[in-house]
């Protein structure tokens, strides 16, 4: 009979053999799932000069002030660390940690801002004129003082900048890798208000003005040189966003705040299926009555989980649309004096 004279040693050997067999398990260990990020959405209350910061994951809503306020537009940086604020005759870069302005650019961005997804560039539509500057220090890289650019939007790879000319059916494409050279596409549409490229840049998503009281949402296929989808909209204020994964387009039609009231829904366009879905805002305020609620500004979180929408024309609320469940699942209302605009979230 075998006699074990060193019991502690034997125990260690047995444990080592046991752990060896455990390590030979054929089943792979599942990777640790990263916790979701609570990306912030920002809006500006022009009545009270307050910035709103809304976190859709947790539902937390905060306010803050800083020395510069937007008159024309504001956009969050691609990394979510800064706000670029288009004031009366300059653009301020605001640190969202300290709420202090760290740099300024002495140009008027009357027709809006665009931030490149790689966070390298900021583009200003001056009306007329275009400025492209480094987002890091706001140093100007390109200036065009002639053409009247509107509705600026970078490509997903940050290599091109798309825009349209005022009262024109021409799309301008600025190549940032080729000395800011400009190519143009003449489209079979009327004067455009918004133009955005698809993620693969094979299509252009447009809002163009059909008449004084009507707009058109349209999808233009570049290779086919043809409009492959269109929907007539009410006139007035509209917004249009491309999902980070390139699957959907979202657009609103808020009317003109006067005789054209807009629609109490927003629209999702399925890019592959070429079909639309209408998401109603009826009953959002109290869950019972079909209260009319037109909506206008929108922004998307870069994880493609939330679409945050602003009420129009009163501008008192945040509506949270859950892209996974395809439903509006939260409604956060401000006070009676709140007038929110310029909804923005860091881009993807």
Protein backbone atom coordinates (compact mmCIF):
# COMPACT_ATOMS: atom_id res chain seq x y z
CA UNK A 1 0.00 0.00 0.00
CA UNK A 2 1.24 3.47 -0.96
CA UNK A 3 1.93 5.62 2.03
CA UNK A 4 1.76 9.42 1.64
CA UNK A 5 4.26 10.98 3.95
CA UNK A 6 3.85 14.64 2.80
CA UNK A 7 0.15 15.50 2.90
CA UNK A 8 0.41 19.22 2.00
CA UNK A 9 2.50 18.40 -1.08
CA UNK A 10 -0.04 15.80 -2.24
CA UNK A 11 -2.89 18.27 -1.87
CA UNK A 12 -1.05 20.81 -4.05
CA UNK A 13 -0.42 18.19 -6.75
CA UNK A 14 -4.09 17.16 -6.83
CA UNK A 15 -5.21 20.80 -7.10
CA UNK A 16 -2.79 21.41 -9.97
CA UNK A 17 -4.08 18.37 -11.87
CA UNK A 18 -7.69 19.45 -11.30
CA UNK A 19 -7.00 23.00 -12.52
CA UNK A 20 -5.30 21.58 -15.64
CA UNK A 21 -8.44 19.69 -16.63
CA UNK A 22 -10.54 22.78 -16.03
CA UNK A 23 -8.29 24.81 -18.31
CA UNK A 24 -8.78 22.33 -21.12
CA UNK A 25 -12.50 23.10 -21.43
CA UNK A 26 -13.38 23.40 -25.12
CA UNK A 27 -16.00 26.10 -24.45
CA UNK A 28 -14.53 29.60 -24.99
CA UNK A 29 -14.98 32.19 -22.29
CA UNK A 30 -17.47 34.85 -23.35
CA UNK A 31 -15.90 38.30 -23.71
CA UNK A 32 -16.74 40.75 -21.01
CA UNK A 33 -19.54 43.00 -22.22
CA UNK A 34 -18.73 46.69 -22.01
CA UNK A 35 -21.23 48.75 -20.05
CA UNK A 36 -23.38 51.10 -22.16
CA UNK A 37 -22.28 54.73 -22.39
CA UNK A 38 -24.69 57.44 -21.32
CA UNK A 39 -23.99 59.84 -24.21
CA UNK A 40 -25.14 63.37 -23.46
CA UNK A 41 -27.48 65.41 -25.65
CA UNK A 42 -27.29 69.19 -25.51
CA UNK A 43 -29.83 71.90 -26.29
CA UNK A 44 -29.97 75.63 -25.66
CA UNK A 45 -32.78 77.54 -23.92
CA UNK A 46 -32.74 80.88 -25.73
CA UNK A 47 -35.25 82.49 -23.34
CA UNK A 48 -33.26 81.87 -20.17
CA UNK A 49 -29.73 81.58 -21.68
CA UNK A 50 -29.33 78.09 -20.27
CA UNK A 51 -27.69 75.02 -21.74
CA UNK A 52 -29.50 71.72 -21.15
CA UNK A 53 -27.63 68.44 -20.84
CA UNK A 54 -29.79 65.33 -21.15
CA UNK A 55 -28.54 61.77 -20.58
CA UNK A 56 -30.95 59.37 -22.35
CA UNK A 57 -29.66 56.18 -20.70
CA UNK A 58 -30.31 57.38 -17.14
CA UNK A 59 -32.89 60.08 -17.89
CA UNK A 60 -30.87 62.71 -16.00
CA UNK A 61 -31.43 66.31 -17.11
CA UNK A 62 -29.07 69.10 -15.98
CA UNK A 63 -28.56 72.75 -16.88
CA UNK A 64 -25.47 74.94 -16.99
CA UNK A 65 -24.32 78.36 -18.15
CA UNK A 66 -21.17 79.62 -19.85
CA UNK A 67 -19.91 82.91 -21.24
CA UNK A 68 -20.89 82.30 -24.89
CA UNK A 69 -24.34 81.55 -26.29
CA UNK A 70 -25.41 80.37 -29.75
CA UNK A 71 -27.25 82.70 -32.09
CA UNK A 72 -27.07 80.56 -35.24
CA UNK A 73 -26.19 76.99 -34.27
CA UNK A 74 -24.15 74.73 -32.00
CA UNK A 75 -22.60 71.28 -32.46
CA UNK A 76 -20.91 68.85 -30.09
CA UNK A 77 -17.43 67.64 -30.97
CA UNK A 78 -17.03 64.07 -32.20
CA UNK A 79 -15.36 63.06 -28.93
CA UNK A 80 -18.06 64.71 -26.80
CA UNK A 81 -15.61 66.99 -24.97
CA UNK A 82 -16.50 70.33 -26.52
CA UNK A 83 -19.38 72.40 -27.84
CA UNK A 84 -18.79 74.59 -30.87
CA UNK A 85 -21.10 77.58 -30.46
CA UNK A 86 -21.98 79.86 -33.38
CA UNK A 87 -22.45 83.22 -31.68
CA UNK A 88 -23.36 86.50 -33.45
CA UNK A 89 -20.09 87.00 -35.35
CA UNK A 90 -17.72 84.30 -34.09
CA UNK A 91 -17.59 80.62 -33.15
CA UNK A 92 -16.59 79.63 -29.61
CA UNK A 93 -15.10 76.31 -28.57
CA UNK A 94 -16.51 75.52 -25.11
CA UNK A 95 -14.91 72.91 -22.84
CA UNK A 96 -17.80 70.82 -21.49
CA UNK A 97 -15.82 69.87 -18.40
CA UNK A 98 -15.03 73.40 -17.22
CA UNK A 99 -17.81 75.19 -19.18
CA UNK A 100 -15.20 77.74 -20.32
CA UNK A 101 -14.42 79.01 -23.82
CA UNK A 102 -10.95 77.78 -24.81
CA UNK A 103 -10.73 79.20 -28.37
CA UNK A 104 -12.67 81.37 -30.82
CA UNK A 105 -12.92 81.65 -34.59
CA UNK A 106 -13.81 85.16 -35.88
CA UNK A 107 -16.35 84.16 -38.52
CA UNK A 108 -20.14 84.22 -38.62
CA UNK A 109 -21.67 80.75 -39.10
CA UNK A 110 -25.10 82.05 -40.05
CA UNK A 111 -26.09 78.85 -41.86
CA UNK A 112 -24.70 76.33 -39.44
CA UNK A 113 -21.74 74.20 -38.41
CA UNK A 114 -20.53 70.68 -39.18
CA UNK A 115 -17.97 68.60 -37.28
CA UNK A 116 -16.06 65.81 -39.03
CA UNK A 117 -16.52 62.33 -37.50
CA UNK A 118 -12.75 61.99 -37.01
CA UNK A 119 -12.89 65.21 -34.93
CA UNK A 120 -10.25 66.93 -37.09
CA UNK A 121 -12.31 69.59 -38.84
CA UNK A 122 -15.07 72.10 -38.27
CA UNK A 123 -16.88 73.66 -41.24
CA UNK A 124 -18.82 76.94 -41.17
CA UNK A 125 -21.50 78.01 -43.65
CA UNK A 126 -21.34 81.82 -43.57
CA UNK A 127 -23.89 82.70 -46.26
CA UNK A 128 -22.09 83.39 -48.48
CA UNK A 129 -18.78 81.69 -47.86
CA UNK A 130 -17.26 78.55 -46.39
CA UNK A 131 -14.61 78.15 -43.68
CA UNK A 132 -12.91 74.84 -42.87
CA UNK A 133 -10.76 74.94 -39.74
CA UNK A 134 -8.92 72.54 -37.47
CA UNK A 135 -11.19 71.54 -34.59
CA UNK A 136 -8.20 71.31 -32.23
CA UNK A 137 -7.14 74.97 -32.32
CA UNK A 138 -9.60 76.56 -34.80
CA UNK A 139 -6.80 77.42 -37.26
CA UNK A 140 -8.24 78.02 -40.74
CA UNK A 141 -7.28 75.43 -43.38
CA UNK A 142 -9.55 76.55 -46.24
CA UNK A 143 -11.63 79.61 -47.05
CA UNK A 144 -14.09 80.18 -49.89
CA UNK A 145 -15.77 83.58 -49.69
CA UNK A 146 -17.76 83.35 -52.94
CA UNK A 147 -20.08 80.34 -52.98
CA UNK A 148 -23.14 80.40 -50.74
CA UNK A 149 -22.93 77.01 -49.03
CA UNK A 150 -25.83 75.65 -46.96
CA UNK A 151 -26.51 72.44 -45.04
CA UNK A 152 -22.94 71.24 -44.54
CA UNK A 153 -22.35 67.56 -43.77
CA UNK A 154 -19.14 65.48 -43.67
CA UNK A 155 -18.85 62.00 -45.12
CA UNK A 156 -18.56 59.13 -42.64
CA UNK A 157 -14.82 58.77 -43.36
CA UNK A 158 -14.28 62.55 -42.92
CA UNK A 159 -12.63 62.85 -46.34
CA UNK A 160 -15.35 64.93 -48.02
CA UNK A 161 -17.67 67.77 -47.11
CA UNK A 162 -21.09 67.94 -48.76
CA UNK A 163 -23.16 71.06 -49.12
CA UNK A 164 -25.71 72.74 -51.35
CA UNK A 165 -25.88 76.24 -52.76
CA UNK A 166 -28.61 78.69 -51.85
CA UNK A 167 -31.61 78.69 -54.26
CA UNK A 168 -29.86 76.03 -56.36
CA UNK A 169 -30.18 72.36 -57.31
CA UNK A 170 -26.39 71.87 -57.17
CA UNK A 171 -24.56 69.74 -54.60
CA UNK A 172 -20.97 70.75 -53.87
CA UNK A 173 -18.46 68.13 -52.66
CA UNK A 174 -15.24 69.45 -51.11
CA UNK A 175 -12.37 66.92 -51.16
CA UNK A 176 -10.33 67.47 -48.01
CA UNK A 177 -7.58 65.11 -49.20
CA UNK A 178 -7.12 66.85 -52.57
CA UNK A 179 -6.31 70.43 -51.63
CA UNK A 180 -10.00 71.17 -50.87
CA UNK A 181 -10.95 70.82 -54.54
CA UNK A 182 -14.67 71.14 -55.28
CA UNK A 183 -16.78 68.85 -57.48
CA UNK A 184 -20.44 69.51 -58.21
CA UNK A 185 -23.50 67.41 -59.06
CA UNK A 186 -26.53 68.93 -60.79
CA UNK A 187 -29.67 67.24 -59.47
CA UNK A 188 -33.11 67.01 -61.10
CA UNK A 189 -34.76 68.80 -58.17
CA UNK A 190 -35.67 72.30 -57.03
CA UNK A 191 -33.73 74.46 -54.60
CA UNK A 192 -32.31 72.29 -51.83
CA UNK A 193 -32.43 73.00 -48.11
CA UNK A 194 -30.63 69.93 -46.71
CA UNK A 195 -28.24 67.42 -48.25
CA UNK A 196 -26.55 64.48 -46.49
CA UNK A 197 -24.60 61.56 -47.98
CA UNK A 198 -25.24 57.91 -47.19
CA UNK A 199 -22.48 56.15 -45.29
CA UNK A 200 -21.14 54.55 -48.48
CA UNK A 201 -21.66 57.82 -50.43
CA UNK A 202 -23.69 56.11 -53.15
CA UNK A 203 -26.83 58.10 -52.31
CA UNK A 204 -27.76 61.61 -51.27
CA UNK A 205 -30.61 62.31 -48.86
CA UNK A 206 -32.30 65.61 -49.63
CA UNK A 207 -34.89 68.05 -48.46
CA UNK A 208 -35.79 70.29 -51.39
CA UNK A 209 -38.35 73.01 -51.72
CA UNK A 210 -41.18 72.14 -54.11
CA UNK A 211 -43.12 75.34 -53.54
CA UNK A 212 -43.49 78.04 -50.92
CA UNK A 213 -45.68 75.78 -48.79
CA UNK A 214 -44.21 72.34 -49.57
CA UNK A 215 -40.93 70.46 -49.20
CA UNK A 216 -39.89 67.08 -50.55
CA UNK A 217 -37.80 64.39 -48.91
CA UNK A 218 -35.91 62.59 -51.66
CA UNK A 219 -33.26 59.92 -52.11
CA UNK A 220 -30.93 60.45 -55.05
CA UNK A 221 -28.86 57.54 -56.40
CA UNK A 222 -25.56 58.93 -57.72
CA UNK A 223 -24.75 56.00 -60.04
CA UNK A 224 -28.24 55.99 -61.56
CA UNK A 225 -28.39 59.80 -61.67
CA UNK A 226 -31.95 59.52 -60.52
CA UNK A 227 -34.29 60.22 -57.61
CA UNK A 228 -35.31 56.75 -56.40
CA UNK A 229 -37.69 57.79 -53.60
CA UNK A 230 -39.60 60.91 -52.65
CA UNK A 231 -42.26 62.04 -50.21
CA UNK A 232 -44.03 65.40 -50.18
CA UNK A 233 -43.87 67.24 -46.85
CA UNK A 234 -45.43 70.31 -45.31
CA UNK A 235 -43.50 73.54 -45.62
CA UNK A 236 -41.44 75.18 -42.92
CA UNK A 237 -39.00 73.67 -40.48
CA UNK A 238 -37.61 70.22 -41.24
CA UNK A 239 -34.72 68.14 -39.95
CA UNK A 240 -32.98 65.07 -41.34
CA UNK A 241 -30.47 62.64 -39.76
CA UNK A 242 -28.61 59.52 -40.94
CA UNK A 243 -28.28 56.64 -38.45
CA UNK A 244 -24.70 55.74 -37.41
CA UNK A 245 -25.10 52.22 -38.84
CA UNK A 246 -26.47 53.52 -42.14
CA UNK A 247 -29.70 51.55 -41.88
CA UNK A 248 -32.24 54.32 -41.38
CA UNK A 249 -32.91 57.97 -42.18
CA UNK A 250 -35.01 60.07 -39.81
CA UNK A 251 -36.82 63.24 -40.78
CA UNK A 252 -39.40 65.62 -39.33
CA UNK A 253 -41.84 68.15 -40.80
CA UNK A 254 -42.74 70.75 -38.22
CA UNK A 255 -44.59 73.21 -40.44
CA UNK A 256 -43.88 76.92 -40.50
CA UNK A 257 -45.14 77.77 -36.99
CA UNK A 258 -48.08 79.70 -38.49
CA UNK A 259 -50.66 78.63 -41.08
CA UNK A 260 -48.92 75.28 -41.78
CA UNK A 261 -48.99 73.36 -38.49
CA UNK A 262 -46.77 70.43 -39.43
CA UNK A 263 -47.28 66.80 -38.46
CA UNK A 264 -47.61 65.02 -35.12
CA UNK A 265 -45.21 62.28 -36.18
CA UNK A 266 -41.72 61.78 -37.52
CA UNK A 267 -40.67 59.46 -40.33
CA UNK A 268 -38.15 56.63 -40.53
CA UNK A 269 -36.88 55.75 -43.99
CA UNK A 270 -35.46 52.23 -44.34
CA UNK A 271 -32.55 52.73 -46.75
CA UNK A 272 -32.30 49.13 -48.00
CA UNK A 273 -36.05 48.46 -48.25
CA UNK A 274 -36.89 51.93 -49.62
CA UNK A 275 -39.95 52.25 -47.42
CA UNK A 276 -41.09 54.58 -44.65
CA UNK A 277 -42.54 54.18 -41.15
CA UNK A 278 -44.46 56.90 -39.31
CA UNK A 279 -43.94 57.27 -35.55
CA UNK A 280 -46.82 59.18 -33.94
CA UNK A 281 -46.43 61.65 -31.08
CA UNK A 282 -50.14 61.56 -30.22
CA UNK A 283 -50.76 60.97 -26.51
CA UNK A 284 -47.15 61.50 -25.51
CA UNK A 285 -47.88 64.25 -22.98
CA UNK A 286 -50.42 62.40 -20.84
CA UNK A 287 -50.57 58.91 -22.36
CA UNK A 288 -54.30 59.20 -23.06
CA UNK A 289 -55.39 62.12 -25.18
CA UNK A 290 -54.15 62.50 -28.74
CA UNK A 291 -52.60 65.89 -28.01
CA UNK A 292 -51.07 67.49 -31.06
CA UNK A 293 -47.28 67.64 -30.81
CA UNK A 294 -45.25 68.73 -33.80
CA UNK A 295 -41.53 68.02 -33.54
CA UNK A 296 -38.53 69.46 -35.32
CA UNK A 297 -34.89 69.16 -34.15
CA UNK A 298 -33.26 65.76 -33.67
CA UNK A 299 -29.95 64.18 -32.76
CA UNK A 300 -28.69 60.59 -32.57
CA UNK A 301 -26.38 59.03 -30.01
CA UNK A 302 -23.27 57.47 -31.63
CA UNK A 303 -24.11 53.99 -30.26
CA UNK A 304 -27.29 54.07 -32.39
CA UNK A 305 -29.51 53.43 -29.36
CA UNK A 306 -31.37 56.73 -28.94
CA UNK A 307 -32.95 59.37 -31.13
CA UNK A 308 -33.55 62.53 -29.12
CA UNK A 309 -36.21 64.85 -30.52
CA UNK A 310 -37.32 68.36 -29.63
CA UNK A 311 -40.88 69.67 -29.56
CA UNK A 312 -41.89 72.38 -32.00
CA UNK A 313 -42.70 75.24 -31.98
CA UNK A 314 -42.76 75.68 -28.20
CA UNK A 315 -39.40 73.93 -27.66
CA UNK A 316 -40.05 72.77 -24.10
CA UNK A 317 -39.21 69.08 -24.14
CA UNK A 318 -36.97 66.12 -24.89
CA UNK A 319 -38.57 63.07 -26.48
CA UNK A 320 -36.52 59.87 -26.23
CA UNK A 321 -37.02 57.37 -29.05
CA UNK A 322 -35.64 53.89 -28.34
CA UNK A 323 -34.23 52.62 -31.67
CA UNK A 324 -34.11 49.03 -30.41
CA UNK A 325 -37.82 48.88 -29.50
CA UNK A 326 -38.88 51.50 -32.08
CA UNK A 327 -40.99 53.50 -29.62
CA UNK A 328 -40.97 56.81 -27.82
CA UNK A 329 -40.35 55.70 -24.24
CA UNK A 330 -39.68 58.97 -22.39
CA UNK A 331 -40.96 62.54 -22.42
CA UNK A 332 -39.15 65.17 -20.37
CA UNK A 333 -40.83 68.57 -20.28
CA UNK A 334 -39.31 71.88 -19.21
CA UNK A 335 -41.10 74.80 -17.62
CA UNK A 336 -43.36 77.33 -19.32
CA UNK A 337 -40.57 79.75 -20.25
CA UNK A 338 -38.28 77.12 -21.76
CA UNK A 339 -37.51 77.55 -25.48
CA UNK A 340 -35.08 74.82 -26.57
CA UNK A 341 -33.20 74.68 -29.87
CA UNK A 342 -30.00 73.32 -31.47
CA UNK A 343 -30.22 69.70 -30.26
CA UNK A 344 -26.82 68.04 -30.64
CA UNK A 345 -24.89 64.96 -29.55
CA UNK A 346 -21.34 63.90 -30.32
CA UNK A 347 -21.20 62.36 -33.78
CA UNK A 348 -19.93 58.90 -34.68
